[in-house]
Amino acid sequence: MNRPGWNSQRRNRNIGTAKSGYGQNNRMCIPERWADGHLFYERLDNLVAFSRIVGDHKITMLVEPVQAGFLHACTPDDIVKVLSLLPSQHVASIDLIVLRQPKRKQRLLRPVWGRLQYWSEINQYTGVAIHLEAQLINGVQRWHRSLTPDDAQELERLGQDGHQIIPERRYYQLYTSLESIRNTQLYRTLPHEVGHHVDYFESVEKHATEDADEREQLIDLYWSKPEKDKEAFAHRYATEFCEREKKAGHIPFERILNEDTLVAEGLEISWFR
């Protein structure tokens, strides 16, 4: 799987926008600011960087400390195990896994489970990045009862993940737990974001030649695809992964929290437990 090529103008147009996919039915949309040339979620404070091997591919993990009441629901070992279950060619050009703590203003709207960046620049680390956001454990999300068909399907999936959904007169109250957040992020969001990357590869890289104009045309065709079609591809990819691996008995699996390894990599146990 070859690495997608991007110039700065194309990066400004598409990377980090809704076109790039915010994860499976993510509901938070923060205005983009480019004051320093970086998107808000490329600005990580006190990040810890280390490498993990998935098959024969090295992936850099960037982990940001969490705020009080928040946890990274998926551990590095959890993520590596799920990525190892995916086809190796689909993971071969994923460069970065980012575990990020959202800022207060970004949490005022409904939280994002994760996102894909087709190209990211975080300090000296660059490449295709999948983000998973730290979540408020035992938190509450409010969903308006006037749901679109897509939102209704997503709310049903969240219930299947183990989130407690309580209907009220005007809203649905969604109560989260460590286990339910992990189910959503590890078994749905993570493969969903890989699915977005596979969609790009099959639409562009698989057919691209050395001709730069032809590549630009393929890229433009990809971005012109309806957002609903791109989301449908990624959702189908994640669903097929879950069905296949559940049937094989590979998922779900117990949370992997190797304290010695985390400490050796410079991480705090309290960020995960």
Protein backbone atom coordinates (compact mmCIF):
# COMPACT_ATOMS: atom_id res chain seq x y z
CA MET A 1 0.00 0.00 0.00
CA ASN A 2 1.75 3.17 -1.15
CA ARG A 3 1.75 6.38 0.83
CA PRO A 4 -0.67 9.03 -0.49
CA GLY A 5 1.04 12.10 -1.91
CA TRP A 6 -0.14 15.52 -0.75
CA ASN A 7 0.94 19.06 -1.45
CA SER A 8 0.33 21.88 1.01
CA GLN A 9 -2.60 23.34 -0.91
CA ARG A 10 -4.43 20.03 -0.96
CA ARG A 11 -3.66 19.54 2.70
CA ASN A 12 -5.22 22.93 3.48
CA ARG A 13 -8.32 22.09 1.47
CA ASN A 14 -9.09 18.67 2.84
CA ILE A 15 -7.04 17.45 5.76
CA GLY A 16 -8.89 17.84 9.01
CA THR A 17 -12.15 18.87 7.39
CA ALA A 18 -15.36 16.89 7.36
CA LYS A 19 -14.22 15.46 4.03
CA SER A 20 -11.46 13.53 5.75
CA GLY A 21 -13.88 11.66 8.01
CA TYR A 22 -14.25 12.27 11.72
CA GLY A 23 -14.87 8.66 12.63
CA GLN A 24 -18.06 6.72 12.73
CA ASN A 25 -20.87 9.26 12.93
CA ASN A 26 -18.82 11.66 15.03
CA ARG A 27 -20.87 14.63 16.14
CA MET A 28 -18.34 17.28 17.15
CA CYS A 29 -17.26 19.95 14.68
CA ILE A 30 -14.71 22.51 15.82
CA PRO A 31 -13.82 25.50 13.57
CA GLU A 32 -10.39 24.99 12.04
CA ARG A 33 -7.65 27.54 12.79
CA TRP A 34 -4.35 27.62 10.96
CA ALA A 35 -2.55 30.36 12.93
CA ASP A 36 0.62 28.26 13.17
CA GLY A 37 -0.03 26.01 10.18
CA HIS A 38 -1.45 23.20 12.32
CA LEU A 39 -4.94 21.99 13.09
CA PHE A 40 -6.10 22.21 16.70
CA TYR A 41 -5.79 18.47 17.19
CA GLU A 42 -2.22 18.51 15.92
CA ARG A 43 -1.26 20.57 18.98
CA LEU A 44 -0.46 18.09 21.73
CA ASP A 45 0.88 19.15 25.13
CA ASN A 46 3.60 17.13 26.86
CA LEU A 47 3.16 14.25 24.45
CA VAL A 48 4.96 10.95 24.94
CA ALA A 49 6.19 9.25 21.77
CA PHE A 50 7.22 5.63 21.28
CA SER A 51 7.07 2.95 18.61
CA ARG A 52 5.17 -0.31 18.36
CA ILE A 53 5.43 -3.06 15.76
CA VAL A 54 2.33 -4.31 13.95
CA GLY A 55 3.33 -7.34 11.91
CA ASP A 56 6.51 -6.10 10.25
CA HIS A 57 5.39 -2.44 10.23
CA LYS A 58 6.52 0.17 12.77
CA ILE A 59 3.90 2.62 13.99
CA THR A 60 4.65 5.66 16.14
CA MET A 61 2.26 6.24 19.03
CA LEU A 62 1.77 9.72 20.46
CA VAL A 63 0.05 9.91 23.83
CA GLU A 64 -1.11 13.07 25.57
CA PRO A 65 -1.67 13.17 29.36
CA VAL A 66 -5.30 13.16 30.43
CA GLN A 67 -7.20 15.63 32.58
CA ALA A 68 -8.95 14.71 35.82
CA GLY A 69 -11.86 12.34 35.21
CA PHE A 70 -10.65 11.32 31.74
CA LEU A 71 -8.97 8.13 30.58
CA HIS A 72 -7.56 6.68 27.41
CA ALA A 73 -9.96 3.74 27.16
CA CYS A 74 -7.82 1.83 24.65
CA THR A 75 -4.32 0.85 25.74
CA PRO A 76 -1.42 0.68 23.25
CA ASP A 77 -1.54 -3.12 23.45
CA ASP A 78 -5.28 -3.10 22.75
CA ILE A 79 -4.72 -1.01 19.64
CA VAL A 80 -1.81 -3.11 18.37
CA LYS A 81 -3.85 -6.28 18.80
CA VAL A 82 -6.78 -4.94 16.76
CA LEU A 83 -4.50 -3.56 14.04
CA SER A 84 -2.80 -6.97 13.87
CA LEU A 85 -6.16 -8.54 13.03
CA LEU A 86 -6.60 -6.29 10.00
CA PRO A 87 -5.06 -7.13 6.60
CA SER A 88 -1.39 -6.14 6.79
CA GLN A 89 -1.57 -4.19 3.52
CA HIS A 90 -4.31 -2.02 5.01
CA VAL A 91 -2.17 -1.05 8.00
CA ALA A 92 1.17 -0.75 6.21
CA SER A 93 0.91 3.00 5.59
CA ILE A 94 -0.61 4.02 8.92
CA ASP A 95 2.21 6.06 10.47
CA LEU A 96 0.77 7.49 13.67
CA ILE A 97 -1.68 6.47 16.37
CA VAL A 98 -2.59 9.51 18.47
CA LEU A 99 -4.21 9.27 21.91
CA ARG A 100 -5.26 12.83 22.57
CA GLN A 101 -6.88 14.79 25.39
CA PRO A 102 -9.48 17.23 23.98
CA LYS A 103 -9.44 20.76 25.34
CA ARG A 104 -12.31 22.23 27.35
CA LYS A 105 -13.83 24.29 24.51
CA GLN A 106 -13.67 21.27 22.23
CA ARG A 107 -15.59 19.22 24.80
CA LEU A 108 -18.48 21.68 24.97
CA LEU A 109 -19.94 20.04 21.88
CA ARG A 110 -20.54 16.30 21.65
CA PRO A 111 -17.27 14.42 21.97
CA VAL A 112 -15.43 12.82 19.09
CA TRP A 113 -14.52 9.15 19.42
CA GLY A 114 -11.75 9.41 16.84
CA ARG A 115 -10.69 10.75 13.47
CA LEU A 116 -8.45 9.99 10.50
CA GLN A 117 -5.88 12.42 9.12
CA TYR A 118 -4.74 11.45 5.66
CA TRP A 119 -1.64 13.50 6.44
CA SER A 120 -0.66 14.93 9.81
CA GLU A 121 2.18 17.02 11.23
CA ILE A 122 2.57 16.78 15.01
CA ASN A 123 5.89 18.18 16.13
CA GLN A 124 8.52 16.23 14.18
CA TYR A 125 6.13 13.34 13.51
CA THR A 126 4.38 13.20 10.15
CA GLY A 127 2.22 10.83 8.14
CA VAL A 128 -1.17 9.17 8.07
CA ALA A 129 -2.63 9.39 11.57
CA ILE A 130 -5.53 7.82 13.44
CA HIS A 131 -6.66 9.70 16.54
CA LEU A 132 -8.58 8.26 19.48
CA GLU A 133 -9.78 10.88 21.97
CA ALA A 134 -9.63 10.55 25.74
CA GLN A 135 -13.12 10.35 27.18
CA LEU A 136 -14.80 11.37 30.42
CA ILE A 137 -15.37 8.13 32.30
CA ASN A 138 -18.88 7.69 33.67
CA GLY A 139 -19.87 10.74 31.68
CA VAL A 140 -23.18 11.75 30.13
CA GLN A 141 -23.91 12.77 26.56
CA ARG A 142 -27.18 14.34 25.46
CA TRP A 143 -28.74 13.45 22.12
CA HIS A 144 -31.80 15.34 20.89
CA ARG A 145 -34.79 13.09 20.26
CA SER A 146 -35.18 14.53 16.74
CA LEU A 147 -32.71 12.14 15.13
CA THR A 148 -31.85 11.68 11.49
CA PRO A 149 -31.98 8.06 10.25
CA ASP A 150 -28.15 7.92 10.42
CA ASP A 151 -28.14 9.27 13.97
CA ALA A 152 -30.81 6.78 15.00
CA GLN A 153 -28.70 3.93 13.64
CA GLU A 154 -25.64 5.24 15.45
CA LEU A 155 -27.53 5.55 18.73
CA GLU A 156 -28.62 1.93 18.34
CA ARG A 157 -25.00 0.88 17.74
CA LEU A 158 -23.91 2.80 20.84
CA GLY A 159 -26.46 0.87 22.84
CA GLN A 160 -25.00 -2.36 21.46
CA ASP A 161 -21.56 -1.16 22.57
CA GLY A 162 -22.83 -1.08 26.14
CA HIS A 163 -23.62 2.60 26.64
CA GLN A 164 -26.74 3.08 28.75
CA ILE A 165 -29.38 5.08 26.89
CA ILE A 166 -32.18 6.68 28.91
CA PRO A 167 -34.98 8.39 26.93
CA GLU A 168 -36.33 11.64 28.36
CA ARG A 169 -38.98 14.04 27.09
CA ARG A 170 -36.70 16.02 24.75
CA TYR A 171 -33.41 14.13 24.85
CA TYR A 172 -31.73 10.77 25.08
CA GLN A 173 -29.21 10.65 27.89
CA LEU A 174 -26.20 8.47 27.00
CA TYR A 175 -24.27 7.22 30.03
CA THR A 176 -20.74 6.02 29.28
CA SER A 177 -18.37 3.69 31.10
CA LEU A 178 -14.79 2.61 30.52
CA GLU A 179 -15.97 -0.66 29.00
CA SER A 180 -18.56 0.90 26.69
CA ILE A 181 -16.14 3.61 25.49
CA ARG A 182 -13.49 0.97 24.80
CA ASN A 183 -16.00 -1.11 22.82
CA THR A 184 -16.88 1.87 20.65
CA GLN A 185 -13.35 3.10 20.04
CA LEU A 186 -11.49 -0.20 19.75
CA TYR A 187 -13.91 -2.35 17.76
CA ARG A 188 -15.71 0.29 15.69
CA THR A 189 -13.88 3.62 15.51
CA LEU A 190 -10.38 2.22 14.95
CA PRO A 191 -11.31 -0.10 12.05
CA HIS A 192 -13.68 2.55 10.72
CA GLU A 193 -10.80 5.01 10.35
CA VAL A 194 -8.64 2.35 8.70
CA GLY A 195 -11.58 1.82 6.35
CA HIS A 196 -11.47 5.48 5.30
CA HIS A 197 -7.80 5.06 4.45
CA VAL A 198 -8.49 1.87 2.49
CA ASP A 199 -11.22 3.70 0.57
CA TYR A 200 -8.69 6.37 -0.43
CA PHE A 201 -6.15 3.75 -1.48
CA GLU A 202 -8.63 1.81 -3.61
CA SER A 203 -9.92 5.02 -5.19
CA VAL A 204 -6.58 6.73 -5.82
CA GLU A 205 -3.37 4.82 -5.17
CA LYS A 206 -4.55 1.57 -6.70
CA HIS A 207 -5.13 3.26 -10.06
CA ALA A 208 -2.54 6.06 -9.99
CA THR A 209 0.39 6.13 -12.40
CA GLU A 210 3.46 8.37 -12.52
CA ASP A 211 1.42 10.98 -14.37
CA ALA A 212 0.89 13.87 -11.91
CA ASP A 213 -2.19 15.23 -13.70
CA GLU A 214 -3.85 11.83 -13.66
CA ARG A 215 -3.17 11.50 -9.95
CA GLU A 216 -4.69 14.91 -9.31
CA GLN A 217 -7.79 13.87 -11.21
CA LEU A 218 -8.13 10.70 -9.12
CA ILE A 219 -7.69 12.69 -5.92
CA ASP A 220 -10.31 15.21 -7.01
CA LEU A 221 -12.71 12.39 -7.88
CA TYR A 222 -12.20 10.90 -4.43
CA TRP A 223 -12.97 14.16 -2.65
CA SER A 224 -15.99 14.73 -4.85
CA LYS A 225 -17.57 11.50 -3.64
CA PRO A 226 -20.59 12.17 -1.41
CA GLU A 227 -19.63 12.13 2.26
CA LYS A 228 -22.39 9.61 2.88
CA ASP A 229 -20.73 7.18 0.44
CA LYS A 230 -17.34 7.50 2.14
CA GLU A 231 -18.94 6.96 5.54
CA ALA A 232 -20.85 3.95 4.23
CA PHE A 233 -17.62 2.37 2.97
CA ALA A 234 -15.83 2.89 6.29
CA HIS A 235 -18.82 1.69 8.31
CA ARG A 236 -19.11 -1.43 6.13
CA TYR A 237 -15.38 -2.09 6.55
CA ALA A 238 -15.65 -1.87 10.35
CA THR A 239 -18.81 -4.00 10.45
CA GLU A 240 -17.24 -6.74 8.34
CA PHE A 241 -14.16 -6.68 10.57
CA CYS A 242 -16.26 -7.08 13.72
CA GLU A 243 -18.37 -9.87 12.30
CA ARG A 244 -15.34 -11.76 10.98
CA GLU A 245 -13.25 -11.46 14.13
CA LYS A 246 -16.14 -12.18 16.51
CA LYS A 247 -16.87 -15.35 14.55
CA ALA A 248 -13.19 -16.30 14.80
CA GLY A 249 -13.25 -15.65 18.55
CA HIS A 250 -10.60 -12.93 18.39
CA ILE A 251 -12.80 -10.13 19.74
CA PRO A 252 -13.89 -9.01 22.21
CA PHE A 253 -10.87 -9.54 24.45
CA GLU A 254 -9.91 -8.42 27.93
CA ARG A 255 -8.28 -5.04 28.29
CA ILE A 256 -4.48 -5.36 28.04
CA LEU A 257 -2.87 -3.13 30.65
CA ASN A 258 0.82 -4.00 30.90
CA GLU A 259 2.01 -1.60 33.57
CA ASP A 260 5.73 -2.40 33.23
CA THR A 261 5.66 -1.75 29.49
CA LEU A 262 3.70 1.50 29.86
CA VAL A 263 6.10 2.83 32.48
CA ALA A 264 9.11 1.83 30.35
CA GLU A 265 7.63 3.84 27.47
CA GLY A 266 7.29 6.93 29.65
CA LEU A 267 3.53 6.71 30.20
CA GLU A 268 1.58 7.21 33.41
CA ILE A 269 -0.61 4.32 34.52
CA SER A 270 -3.23 6.82 35.71
CA TRP A 271 -3.85 7.87 32.10
CA PHE A 272 -5.31 4.41 31.46
CA ARG A 273 -6.58 3.19 34.83
